[in-house]
């Protein structure tokens, strides 16, 4: 069982560091840009609906021109998905004093 856990962790690290590194770099750049534009942890105070509306808007914009020249909208949608996921995990942890799943 322990070998399966280690194998899974190694796969996750490889995926993060190698396979998806360029996409994560784009997302991290959006987060860094947002740090300069918005107050600290502003994303965490936003409602689920607020995040979903922004996600949908960015997806719809990307859908109009599905190529690299419009990657920014797709990256912003992915960033919002991560922010929403983290906000929900944080709320769950704070509401129940349980570790994250």
PDB file of N, CA and C in Angstrom:
ATOM      1  N   UNK A   1       0.827  -1.205   0.000  1.00  0.00           N
ATOM      2  CA  UNK A   1       0.000   0.000   0.000  1.00  0.00           C
ATOM      3  C   UNK A   1       0.868   1.264   0.000  1.00  0.00           C
ATOM      4  N   UNK A   2       1.933   1.243   0.796  1.00  0.00           N
ATOM      5  CA  UNK A   2       2.815   2.405   0.878  1.00  0.00           C
ATOM      6  C   UNK A   2       3.470   2.692  -0.474  1.00  0.00           C
ATOM      7  N   UNK A   3       3.811   1.627  -1.219  1.00  0.00           N
ATOM      8  CA  UNK A   3       4.393   1.816  -2.550  1.00  0.00           C
ATOM      9  C   UNK A   3       3.434   2.527  -3.488  1.00  0.00           C
ATOM     10  N   UNK A   4       2.160   2.198  -3.398  1.00  0.00           N
ATOM     11  CA  UNK A   4       1.155   2.854  -4.243  1.00  0.00           C
ATOM     12  C   UNK A   4       1.045   4.343  -3.910  1.00  0.00           C
ATOM     13  N   UNK A   5       1.139   4.667  -2.634  1.00  0.00           N
ATOM     14  CA  UNK A   5       1.080   6.066  -2.207  1.00  0.00           C
ATOM     15  C   UNK A   5       2.292   6.826  -2.744  1.00  0.00           C
ATOM     16  N   UNK A   6       3.463   6.236  -2.603  1.00  0.00           N
ATOM     17  CA  UNK A   6       4.692   6.878  -3.102  1.00  0.00           C
ATOM     18  C   UNK A   6       4.632   7.014  -4.621  1.00  0.00           C
ATOM     19  N   UNK A   7       4.160   5.979  -5.298  1.00  0.00           N
ATOM     20  CA  UNK A   7       4.029   6.024  -6.760  1.00  0.00           C
ATOM     21  C   UNK A   7       3.069   7.134  -7.179  1.00  0.00           C
ATOM     22  N   UNK A   8       1.990   7.262  -6.466  1.00  0.00           N
ATOM     23  CA  UNK A   8       1.005   8.321  -6.770  1.00  0.00           C
ATOM     24  C   UNK A   8       1.623   9.706  -6.553  1.00  0.00           C
ATOM     25  N   UNK A   9       2.325   9.876  -5.436  1.00  0.00           N
ATOM     26  CA  UNK A   9       2.969  11.158  -5.147  1.00  0.00           C
ATOM     27  C   UNK A   9       4.009  11.509  -6.199  1.00  0.00           C
ATOM     28  N   UNK A  10       4.791  10.531  -6.620  1.00  0.00           N
ATOM     29  CA  UNK A  10       5.789  10.766  -7.662  1.00  0.00           C
ATOM     30  C   UNK A  10       5.133  11.167  -8.976  1.00  0.00           C
ATOM     31  N   UNK A  11       4.037  10.510  -9.313  1.00  0.00           N
ATOM     32  CA  UNK A  11       3.300  10.859 -10.537  1.00  0.00           C
ATOM     33  C   UNK A  11       2.768  12.295 -10.458  1.00  0.00           C
ATOM     34  N   UNK A  12       2.224  12.650  -9.312  1.00  0.00           N
ATOM     35  CA  UNK A  12       1.678  14.001  -9.131  1.00  0.00           C
ATOM     36  C   UNK A  12       2.783  15.047  -9.260  1.00  0.00           C
ATOM     37  N   UNK A  13       3.921  14.810  -8.645  1.00  0.00           N
ATOM     38  CA  UNK A  13       5.046  15.749  -8.740  1.00  0.00           C
ATOM     39  C   UNK A  13       5.543  15.885 -10.170  1.00  0.00           C
ATOM     40  N   UNK A  14       5.652  14.760 -10.861  1.00  0.00           N
ATOM     41  CA  UNK A  14       6.100  14.801 -12.258  1.00  0.00           C
ATOM     42  C   UNK A  14       5.095  15.575 -13.102  1.00  0.00           C
ATOM     43  N   UNK A  15       3.818  15.329 -12.893  1.00  0.00           N
ATOM     44  CA  UNK A  15       2.793  16.048 -13.657  1.00  0.00           C
ATOM     45  C   UNK A  15       2.886  17.545 -13.394  1.00  0.00           C
ATOM     46  N   UNK A  16       3.070  17.916 -12.147  1.00  0.00           N
ATOM     47  CA  UNK A  16       3.157  19.334 -11.789  1.00  0.00           C
ATOM     48  C   UNK A  16       4.429  19.972 -12.340  1.00  0.00           C
ATOM     49  N   UNK A  17       5.556  19.306 -12.191  1.00  0.00           N
ATOM     50  CA  UNK A  17       6.857  19.886 -12.563  1.00  0.00           C
ATOM     51  C   UNK A  17       7.169  19.815 -14.054  1.00  0.00           C
ATOM     52  N   UNK A  18       6.645  18.800 -14.719  1.00  0.00           N
ATOM     53  CA  UNK A  18       7.034  18.592 -16.110  1.00  0.00           C
ATOM     54  C   UNK A  18       5.862  18.760 -17.070  1.00  0.00           C
ATOM     55  N   UNK A  19       4.889  17.908 -16.963  1.00  0.00           N
ATOM     56  CA  UNK A  19       3.808  17.879 -17.938  1.00  0.00           C
ATOM     57  C   UNK A  19       3.017  19.176 -17.969  1.00  0.00           C
ATOM     58  N   UNK A  20       2.609  19.662 -16.811  1.00  0.00           N
ATOM     59  CA  UNK A  20       1.723  20.819 -16.755  1.00  0.00           C
ATOM     60  C   UNK A  20       2.410  22.102 -16.283  1.00  0.00           C
ATOM     61  N   UNK A  21       3.720  22.097 -16.184  1.00  0.00           N
ATOM     62  CA  UNK A  21       4.453  23.271 -15.687  1.00  0.00           C
ATOM     63  C   UNK A  21       4.149  24.549 -16.474  1.00  0.00           C
ATOM     64  N   UNK A  22       4.126  24.518 -17.801  1.00  0.00           N
ATOM     65  CA  UNK A  22       3.825  25.762 -18.526  1.00  0.00           C
ATOM     66  C   UNK A  22       2.437  26.322 -18.212  1.00  0.00           C
ATOM     67  N   UNK A  23       1.451  25.453 -18.091  1.00  0.00           N
ATOM     68  CA  UNK A  23       0.092  25.908 -17.766  1.00  0.00           C
ATOM     69  C   UNK A  23       0.043  26.472 -16.347  1.00  0.00           C
ATOM     70  N   UNK A  24       0.710  25.802 -15.405  1.00  0.00           N
ATOM     71  CA  UNK A  24       0.743  26.311 -14.035  1.00  0.00           C
ATOM     72  C   UNK A  24       1.486  27.636 -13.952  1.00  0.00           C
ATOM     73  N   UNK A  25       2.524  27.808 -14.768  1.00  0.00           N
ATOM     74  CA  UNK A  25       3.219  29.096 -14.810  1.00  0.00           C
ATOM     75  C   UNK A  25       2.270  30.218 -15.232  1.00  0.00           C
ATOM     76  N   UNK A  26       1.434  29.943 -16.222  1.00  0.00           N
ATOM     77  CA  UNK A  26       0.443  30.943 -16.659  1.00  0.00           C
ATOM     78  C   UNK A  26      -0.518  31.284 -15.524  1.00  0.00           C
ATOM     79  N   UNK A  27      -0.992  30.272 -14.825  1.00  0.00           N
ATOM     80  CA  UNK A  27      -1.917  30.486 -13.704  1.00  0.00           C
ATOM     81  C   UNK A  27      -1.235  31.274 -12.592  1.00  0.00           C
ATOM     82  N   UNK A  28      -0.008  30.912 -12.265  1.00  0.00           N
ATOM     83  CA  UNK A  28       0.714  31.619 -11.208  1.00  0.00           C
ATOM     84  C   UNK A  28       0.980  33.070 -11.584  1.00  0.00           C
ATOM     85  N   UNK A  29       1.188  33.348 -12.862  1.00  0.00           N
ATOM     86  CA  UNK A  29       1.334  34.733 -13.311  1.00  0.00           C
ATOM     87  C   UNK A  29       0.045  35.521 -13.128  1.00  0.00           C
ATOM     88  N   UNK A  30      -1.096  34.893 -13.393  1.00  0.00           N
ATOM     89  CA  UNK A  30      -2.380  35.561 -13.165  1.00  0.00           C
ATOM     90  C   UNK A  30      -2.535  35.877 -11.677  1.00  0.00           C
ATOM     91  N   UNK A  31      -2.171  34.933 -10.829  1.00  0.00           N
ATOM     92  CA  UNK A  31      -2.265  35.141  -9.381  1.00  0.00           C
ATOM     93  C   UNK A  31      -1.336  36.271  -8.944  1.00  0.00           C
ATOM     94  N   UNK A  32      -0.112  36.297  -9.457  1.00  0.00           N
ATOM     95  CA  UNK A  32       0.837  37.358  -9.109  1.00  0.00           C
ATOM     96  C   UNK A  32       0.344  38.721  -9.584  1.00  0.00           C
ATOM     97  N   UNK A  33      -0.206  38.777 -10.790  1.00  0.00           N
ATOM     98  CA  UNK A  33      -0.760  40.038 -11.299  1.00  0.00           C
ATOM     99  C   UNK A  33      -1.928  40.498 -10.431  1.00  0.00           C
ATOM    100  N   UNK A  34      -2.755  39.560 -10.007  1.00  0.00           N
ATOM    101  CA  UNK A  34      -3.896  39.891  -9.163  1.00  0.00           C
ATOM    102  C   UNK A  34      -3.480  40.416  -7.805  1.00  0.00           C
ATOM    103  N   UNK A  35      -2.351  39.933  -7.323  1.00  0.00           N
ATOM    104  CA  UNK A  35      -1.830  40.406  -6.023  1.00  0.00           C
ATOM    105  C   UNK A  35      -1.561  41.902  -6.058  1.00  0.00           C
ATOM    106  N   UNK A  36      -1.110  42.377  -7.206  1.00  0.00           N
ATOM    107  CA  UNK A  36      -0.828  43.804  -7.356  1.00  0.00           C
ATOM    108  C   UNK A  36      -2.097  44.621  -7.584  1.00  0.00           C
ATOM    109  N   UNK A  37      -3.123  43.980  -8.114  1.00  0.00           N
ATOM    110  CA  UNK A  37      -4.337  44.694  -8.518  1.00  0.00           C
ATOM    111  C   UNK A  37      -5.411  44.725  -7.416  1.00  0.00           C
ATOM    112  N   UNK A  38      -5.513  43.655  -6.644  1.00  0.00           N
ATOM    113  CA  UNK A  38      -6.588  43.519  -5.655  1.00  0.00           C
ATOM    114  C   UNK A  38      -6.027  43.480  -4.234  1.00  0.00           C
ATOM    115  N   UNK A  39      -6.910  43.739  -3.260  1.00  0.00           N
ATOM    116  CA  UNK A  39      -6.451  43.651  -1.878  1.00  0.00           C
ATOM    117  C   UNK A  39      -6.191  42.192  -1.515  1.00  0.00           C
ATOM    118  N   UNK A  40      -5.408  41.995  -0.467  1.00  0.00           N
ATOM    119  CA  UNK A  40      -4.966  40.661  -0.053  1.00  0.00           C
ATOM    120  C   UNK A  40      -6.158  39.714   0.167  1.00  0.00           C
ATOM    121  N   UNK A  41      -6.060  38.552  -0.437  1.00  0.00           N
ATOM    122  CA  UNK A  41      -7.054  37.476  -0.300  1.00  0.00           C
ATOM    123  C   UNK A  41      -8.474  37.911  -0.661  1.00  0.00           C
ATOM    124  N   UNK A  42      -8.584  38.876  -1.554  1.00  0.00           N
ATOM    125  CA  UNK A  42      -9.883  39.343  -2.034  1.00  0.00           C
ATOM    126  C   UNK A  42     -10.704  38.182  -2.595  1.00  0.00           C
ATOM    127  N   UNK A  43     -10.053  37.267  -3.299  1.00  0.00           N
ATOM    128  CA  UNK A  43     -10.722  36.132  -3.928  1.00  0.00           C
ATOM    129  C   UNK A  43     -11.468  35.271  -2.912  1.00  0.00           C
ATOM    130  N   UNK A  44     -10.935  35.229  -1.690  1.00  0.00           N
ATOM    131  CA  UNK A  44     -11.526  34.358  -0.675  1.00  0.00           C
ATOM    132  C   UNK A  44     -12.837  34.916  -0.113  1.00  0.00           C
ATOM    133  N   UNK A  45     -13.044  36.216  -0.274  1.00  0.00           N
ATOM    134  CA  UNK A  45     -14.266  36.834   0.250  1.00  0.00           C
ATOM    135  C   UNK A  45     -15.399  36.822  -0.776  1.00  0.00           C
ATOM    136  N   UNK A  46     -15.094  36.422  -1.998  1.00  0.00           N
ATOM    137  CA  UNK A  46     -16.096  36.440  -3.067  1.00  0.00           C
ATOM    138  C   UNK A  46     -17.034  35.242  -2.962  1.00  0.00           C
ATOM    139  N   UNK A  47     -18.255  35.424  -3.417  1.00  0.00           N
ATOM    140  CA  UNK A  47     -19.250  34.346  -3.374  1.00  0.00           C
ATOM    141  C   UNK A  47     -18.971  33.313  -4.467  1.00  0.00           C
ATOM    142  N   UNK A  48     -19.556  32.160  -4.291  1.00  0.00           N
ATOM    143  CA  UNK A  48     -19.457  31.118  -5.316  1.00  0.00           C
ATOM    144  C   UNK A  48     -20.004  31.654  -6.635  1.00  0.00           C
ATOM    145  N   UNK A  49     -21.142  32.345  -6.573  1.00  0.00           N
ATOM    146  CA  UNK A  49     -21.731  32.898  -7.799  1.00  0.00           C
ATOM    147  C   UNK A  49     -20.789  33.876  -8.483  1.00  0.00           C
ATOM    148  N   UNK A  50     -20.110  34.701  -7.714  1.00  0.00           N
ATOM    149  CA  UNK A  50     -19.160  35.658  -8.282  1.00  0.00           C
ATOM    150  C   UNK A  50     -18.072  34.918  -9.075  1.00  0.00           C
ATOM    151  N   UNK A  51     -17.493  33.902  -8.470  1.00  0.00           N
ATOM    152  CA  UNK A  51     -16.454  33.130  -9.149  1.00  0.00           C
ATOM    153  C   UNK A  51     -17.012  32.435 -10.387  1.00  0.00           C
ATOM    154  N   UNK A  52     -18.179  31.809 -10.252  1.00  0.00           N
ATOM    155  CA  UNK A  52     -18.752  31.082 -11.385  1.00  0.00           C
ATOM    156  C   UNK A  52     -19.075  32.003 -12.557  1.00  0.00           C
ATOM    157  N   UNK A  53     -19.550  33.191 -12.265  1.00  0.00           N
ATOM    158  CA  UNK A  53     -19.843  34.140 -13.349  1.00  0.00           C
ATOM    159  C   UNK A  53     -18.568  34.536 -14.085  1.00  0.00           C
ATOM    160  N   UNK A  54     -17.490  34.751 -13.351  1.00  0.00           N
ATOM    161  CA  UNK A  54     -16.215  35.097 -13.988  1.00  0.00           C
ATOM    162  C   UNK A  54     -15.660  33.907 -14.776  1.00  0.00           C
ATOM    163  N   UNK A  55     -15.784  32.712 -14.218  1.00  0.00           N
ATOM    164  CA  UNK A  55     -15.336  31.513 -14.928  1.00  0.00           C
ATOM    165  C   UNK A  55     -16.090  31.382 -16.250  1.00  0.00           C
ATOM    166  N   UNK A  56     -17.409  31.506 -16.182  1.00  0.00           N
ATOM    167  CA  UNK A  56     -18.231  31.387 -17.395  1.00  0.00           C
ATOM    168  C   UNK A  56     -17.881  32.460 -18.423  1.00  0.00           C
ATOM    169  N   UNK A  57     -17.675  33.681 -17.964  1.00  0.00           N
ATOM    170  CA  UNK A  57     -17.341  34.770 -18.889  1.00  0.00           C
ATOM    171  C   UNK A  57     -16.016  34.487 -19.593  1.00  0.00           C
ATOM    172  N   UNK A  58     -15.023  34.039 -18.845  1.00  0.00           N
ATOM    173  CA  UNK A  58     -13.729  33.734 -19.461  1.00  0.00           C
ATOM    174  C   UNK A  58     -13.824  32.542 -20.417  1.00  0.00           C
ATOM    175  N   UNK A  59     -14.578  31.530 -20.055  1.00  0.00           N
ATOM    176  CA  UNK A  59     -14.766  30.375 -20.942  1.00  0.00           C
ATOM    177  C   UNK A  59     -15.486  30.811 -22.217  1.00  0.00           C
ATOM    178  N   UNK A  60     -16.529  31.612 -22.063  1.00  0.00           N
ATOM    179  CA  UNK A  60     -17.260  32.099 -23.240  1.00  0.00           C
ATOM    180  C   UNK A  60     -16.364  32.929 -24.152  1.00  0.00           C
ATOM    181  N   UNK A  61     -15.518  33.771 -23.568  1.00  0.00           N
ATOM    182  CA  UNK A  61     -14.587  34.560 -24.376  1.00  0.00           C
ATOM    183  C   UNK A  61     -13.586  33.665 -25.101  1.00  0.00           C
ATOM    184  N   UNK A  62     -13.072  32.658 -24.405  1.00  0.00           N
ATOM    185  CA  UNK A  62     -12.142  31.736 -25.055  1.00  0.00           C
ATOM    186  C   UNK A  62     -12.836  30.973 -26.180  1.00  0.00           C
ATOM    187  N   UNK A  63     -14.087  30.605 -25.957  1.00  0.00           N
ATOM    188  CA  UNK A  63     -14.846  29.825 -26.935  1.00  0.00           C
ATOM    189  C   UNK A  63     -15.000  30.572 -28.268  1.00  0.00           C
ATOM    190  N   UNK A  64     -14.971  31.894 -28.224  1.00  0.00           N
ATOM    191  CA  UNK A  64     -15.106  32.698 -29.444  1.00  0.00           C
ATOM    192  C   UNK A  64     -13.877  32.579 -30.338  1.00  0.00           C
ATOM    193  N   UNK A  65     -12.722  32.347 -29.730  1.00  0.00           N
ATOM    194  CA  UNK A  65     -11.482  32.199 -30.492  1.00  0.00           C
ATOM    195  C   UNK A  65     -10.603  31.189 -29.763  1.00  0.00           C
ATOM    196  N   UNK A  66     -10.718  29.961 -30.165  1.00  0.00           N
ATOM    197  CA  UNK A  66     -10.065  28.847 -29.468  1.00  0.00           C
ATOM    198  C   UNK A  66      -8.638  28.626 -29.949  1.00  0.00           C
ATOM    199  N   UNK A  67      -7.739  29.524 -29.587  1.00  0.00           N
ATOM    200  CA  UNK A  67      -6.343  29.306 -29.941  1.00  0.00           C
ATOM    201  C   UNK A  67      -5.423  30.032 -28.957  1.00  0.00           C
ATOM    202  N   UNK A  68      -4.145  29.891 -29.203  1.00  0.00           N
ATOM    203  CA  UNK A  68      -3.123  30.420 -28.287  1.00  0.00           C
ATOM    204  C   UNK A  68      -3.242  31.926 -28.087  1.00  0.00           C
ATOM    205  N   UNK A  69      -3.731  32.629 -29.091  1.00  0.00           N
ATOM    206  CA  UNK A  69      -3.845  34.084 -28.960  1.00  0.00           C
ATOM    207  C   UNK A  69      -4.893  34.485 -27.924  1.00  0.00           C
ATOM    208  N   UNK A  70      -5.733  33.549 -27.556  1.00  0.00           N
ATOM    209  CA  UNK A  70      -6.782  33.827 -26.581  1.00  0.00           C
ATOM    210  C   UNK A  70      -6.598  32.981 -25.314  1.00  0.00           C
ATOM    211  N   UNK A  71      -5.385  32.522 -25.099  1.00  0.00           N
ATOM    212  CA  UNK A  71      -5.104  31.660 -23.945  1.00  0.00           C
ATOM    213  C   UNK A  71      -5.341  32.370 -22.613  1.00  0.00           C
ATOM    214  N   UNK A  72      -5.210  33.689 -22.604  1.00  0.00           N
ATOM    215  CA  UNK A  72      -5.366  34.443 -21.358  1.00  0.00           C
ATOM    216  C   UNK A  72      -6.731  34.205 -20.707  1.00  0.00           C
ATOM    217  N   UNK A  73      -7.791  34.168 -21.514  1.00  0.00           N
ATOM    218  CA  UNK A  73      -9.112  33.913 -20.931  1.00  0.00           C
ATOM    219  C   UNK A  73      -9.200  32.522 -20.329  1.00  0.00           C
ATOM    220  N   UNK A  74      -8.643  31.544 -21.005  1.00  0.00           N
ATOM    221  CA  UNK A  74      -8.672  30.182 -20.473  1.00  0.00           C
ATOM    222  C   UNK A  74      -7.865  30.092 -19.176  1.00  0.00           C
ATOM    223  N   UNK A  75      -6.728  30.762 -19.142  1.00  0.00           N
ATOM    224  CA  UNK A  75      -5.895  30.781 -17.945  1.00  0.00           C
ATOM    225  C   UNK A  75      -6.599  31.482 -16.789  1.00  0.00           C
ATOM    226  N   UNK A  76      -7.305  32.574 -17.076  1.00  0.00           N
ATOM    227  CA  UNK A  76      -8.060  33.257 -16.027  1.00  0.00           C
ATOM    228  C   UNK A  76      -9.194  32.376 -15.506  1.00  0.00           C
ATOM    229  N   UNK A  77      -9.845  31.636 -16.391  1.00  0.00           N
ATOM    230  CA  UNK A  77     -10.906  30.720 -15.953  1.00  0.00           C
ATOM    231  C   UNK A  77     -10.319  29.643 -15.036  1.00  0.00           C
ATOM    232  N   UNK A  78      -9.180  29.086 -15.414  1.00  0.00           N
ATOM    233  CA  UNK A  78      -8.538  28.054 -14.597  1.00  0.00           C
ATOM    234  C   UNK A  78      -8.133  28.612 -13.238  1.00  0.00           C
ATOM    235  N   UNK A  79      -7.625  29.839 -13.237  1.00  0.00           N
ATOM    236  CA  UNK A  79      -7.229  30.481 -11.984  1.00  0.00           C
ATOM    237  C   UNK A  79      -8.437  30.656 -11.077  1.00  0.00           C
ATOM    238  N   UNK A  80      -9.546  31.109 -11.651  1.00  0.00           N
ATOM    239  CA  UNK A  80     -10.769  31.263 -10.857  1.00  0.00           C
ATOM    240  C   UNK A  80     -11.245  29.930 -10.301  1.00  0.00           C
ATOM    241  N   UNK A  81     -11.114  28.863 -11.091  1.00  0.00           N
ATOM    242  CA  UNK A  81     -11.504  27.533 -10.599  1.00  0.00           C
ATOM    243  C   UNK A  81     -10.663  27.134  -9.391  1.00  0.00           C
ATOM    244  N   UNK A  82      -9.375  27.406  -9.466  1.00  0.00           N
ATOM    245  CA  UNK A  82      -8.485  27.094  -8.340  1.00  0.00           C
ATOM    246  C   UNK A  82      -8.842  27.932  -7.125  1.00  0.00           C
ATOM    247  N   UNK A  83      -9.089  29.221  -7.340  1.00  0.00           N
ATOM    248  CA  UNK A  83      -9.461  30.097  -6.221  1.00  0.00           C
ATOM    249  C   UNK A  83     -10.752  29.635  -5.566  1.00  0.00           C
ATOM    250  N   UNK A  84     -11.736  29.293  -6.378  1.00  0.00           N
ATOM    251  CA  UNK A  84     -13.018  28.833  -5.838  1.00  0.00           C
ATOM    252  C   UNK A  84     -12.833  27.526  -5.082  1.00  0.00           C
ATOM    253  N   UNK A  85     -12.070  26.605  -5.655  1.00  0.00           N
ATOM    254  CA  UNK A  85     -11.815  25.333  -4.968  1.00  0.00           C
ATOM    255  C   UNK A  85     -11.146  25.556  -3.619  1.00  0.00           C
ATOM    256  N   UNK A  86     -10.139  26.428  -3.598  1.00  0.00           N
ATOM    257  CA  UNK A  86      -9.425  26.692  -2.347  1.00  0.00           C
ATOM    258  C   UNK A  86     -10.321  27.390  -1.335  1.00  0.00           C
ATOM    259  N   UNK A  87     -11.127  28.328  -1.790  1.00  0.00           N
ATOM    260  CA  UNK A  87     -12.047  29.024  -0.878  1.00  0.00           C
ATOM    261  C   UNK A  87     -13.028  28.036  -0.240  1.00  0.00           C
ATOM    262  N   UNK A  88     -13.516  27.097  -1.034  1.00  0.00           N
ATOM    263  CA  UNK A  88     -14.437  26.080  -0.501  1.00  0.00           C
ATOM    264  C   UNK A  88     -13.716  25.164   0.477  1.00  0.00           C
ATOM    265  N   UNK A  89     -12.491  24.743   0.132  1.00  0.00           N
ATOM    266  CA  UNK A  89     -11.712  23.921   1.060  1.00  0.00           C
ATOM    267  C   UNK A  89     -11.440  24.665   2.365  1.00  0.00           C
ATOM    268  N   UNK A  90     -11.087  25.944   2.270  1.00  0.00           N
ATOM    269  CA  UNK A  90     -10.831  26.744   3.472  1.00  0.00           C
ATOM    270  C   UNK A  90     -12.083  26.863   4.324  1.00  0.00           C
ATOM    271  N   UNK A  91     -13.215  27.114   3.691  1.00  0.00           N
ATOM    272  CA  UNK A  91     -14.475  27.243   4.432  1.00  0.00           C
ATOM    273  C   UNK A  91     -14.834  25.916   5.097  1.00  0.00           C
ATOM    274  N   UNK A  92     -14.672  24.833   4.369  1.00  0.00           N
ATOM    275  CA  UNK A  92     -14.972  23.515   4.925  1.00  0.00           C
ATOM    276  C   UNK A  92     -14.090  23.247   6.141  1.00  0.00           C
ATOM    277  N   UNK A  93     -12.808  23.568   6.007  1.00  0.00           N
ATOM    278  CA  UNK A  93     -11.875  23.353   7.115  1.00  0.00           C
ATOM    279  C   UNK A  93     -12.251  24.219   8.317  1.00  0.00           C
ATOM    280  N   UNK A  94     -12.569  25.494   8.064  1.00  0.00           N
ATOM    281  CA  UNK A  94     -12.934  26.390   9.165  1.00  0.00           C
ATOM    282  C   UNK A  94     -14.275  26.035   9.791  1.00  0.00           C
ATOM    283  N   UNK A  95     -15.233  25.613   8.977  1.00  0.00           N
ATOM    284  CA  UNK A  95     -16.560  25.288   9.492  1.00  0.00           C
ATOM    285  C   UNK A  95     -16.557  24.016  10.321  1.00  0.00           C
ATOM    286  N   UNK A  96     -15.739  23.066   9.944  1.00  0.00           N
ATOM    287  CA  UNK A  96     -15.790  21.747  10.582  1.00  0.00           C
ATOM    288  C   UNK A  96     -14.547  21.404  11.384  1.00  0.00           C
ATOM    289  N   UNK A  97     -13.542  22.269  11.363  1.00  0.00           N
ATOM    290  CA  UNK A  97     -12.271  21.984  12.033  1.00  0.00           C
ATOM    291  C   UNK A  97     -11.734  20.614  11.658  1.00  0.00           C
ATOM    292  N   UNK A  98     -11.951  20.239  10.400  1.00  0.00           N
ATOM    293  CA  UNK A  98     -11.441  18.971   9.890  1.00  0.00           C
ATOM    294  C   UNK A  98     -10.356  19.267   8.872  1.00  0.00           C
ATOM    295  N   UNK A  99      -9.432  18.331   8.722  1.00  0.00           N
ATOM    296  CA  UNK A  99      -8.420  18.529   7.673  1.00  0.00           C
ATOM    297  C   UNK A  99      -9.079  18.475   6.303  1.00  0.00           C
ATOM    298  N   UNK A 100      -8.411  19.077   5.344  1.00  0.00           N
ATOM    299  CA  UNK A 100      -8.904  19.059   3.976  1.00  0.00           C
ATOM    300  C   UNK A 100      -8.955  17.621   3.456  1.00  0.00           C
ATOM    301  N   UNK A 101      -9.891  17.374   2.554  1.00  0.00           N
ATOM    302  CA  UNK A 101      -9.979  16.007   1.992  1.00  0.00           C
ATOM    303  C   UNK A 101      -8.749  15.657   1.189  1.00  0.00           C
TER     304      UNK A 101
END
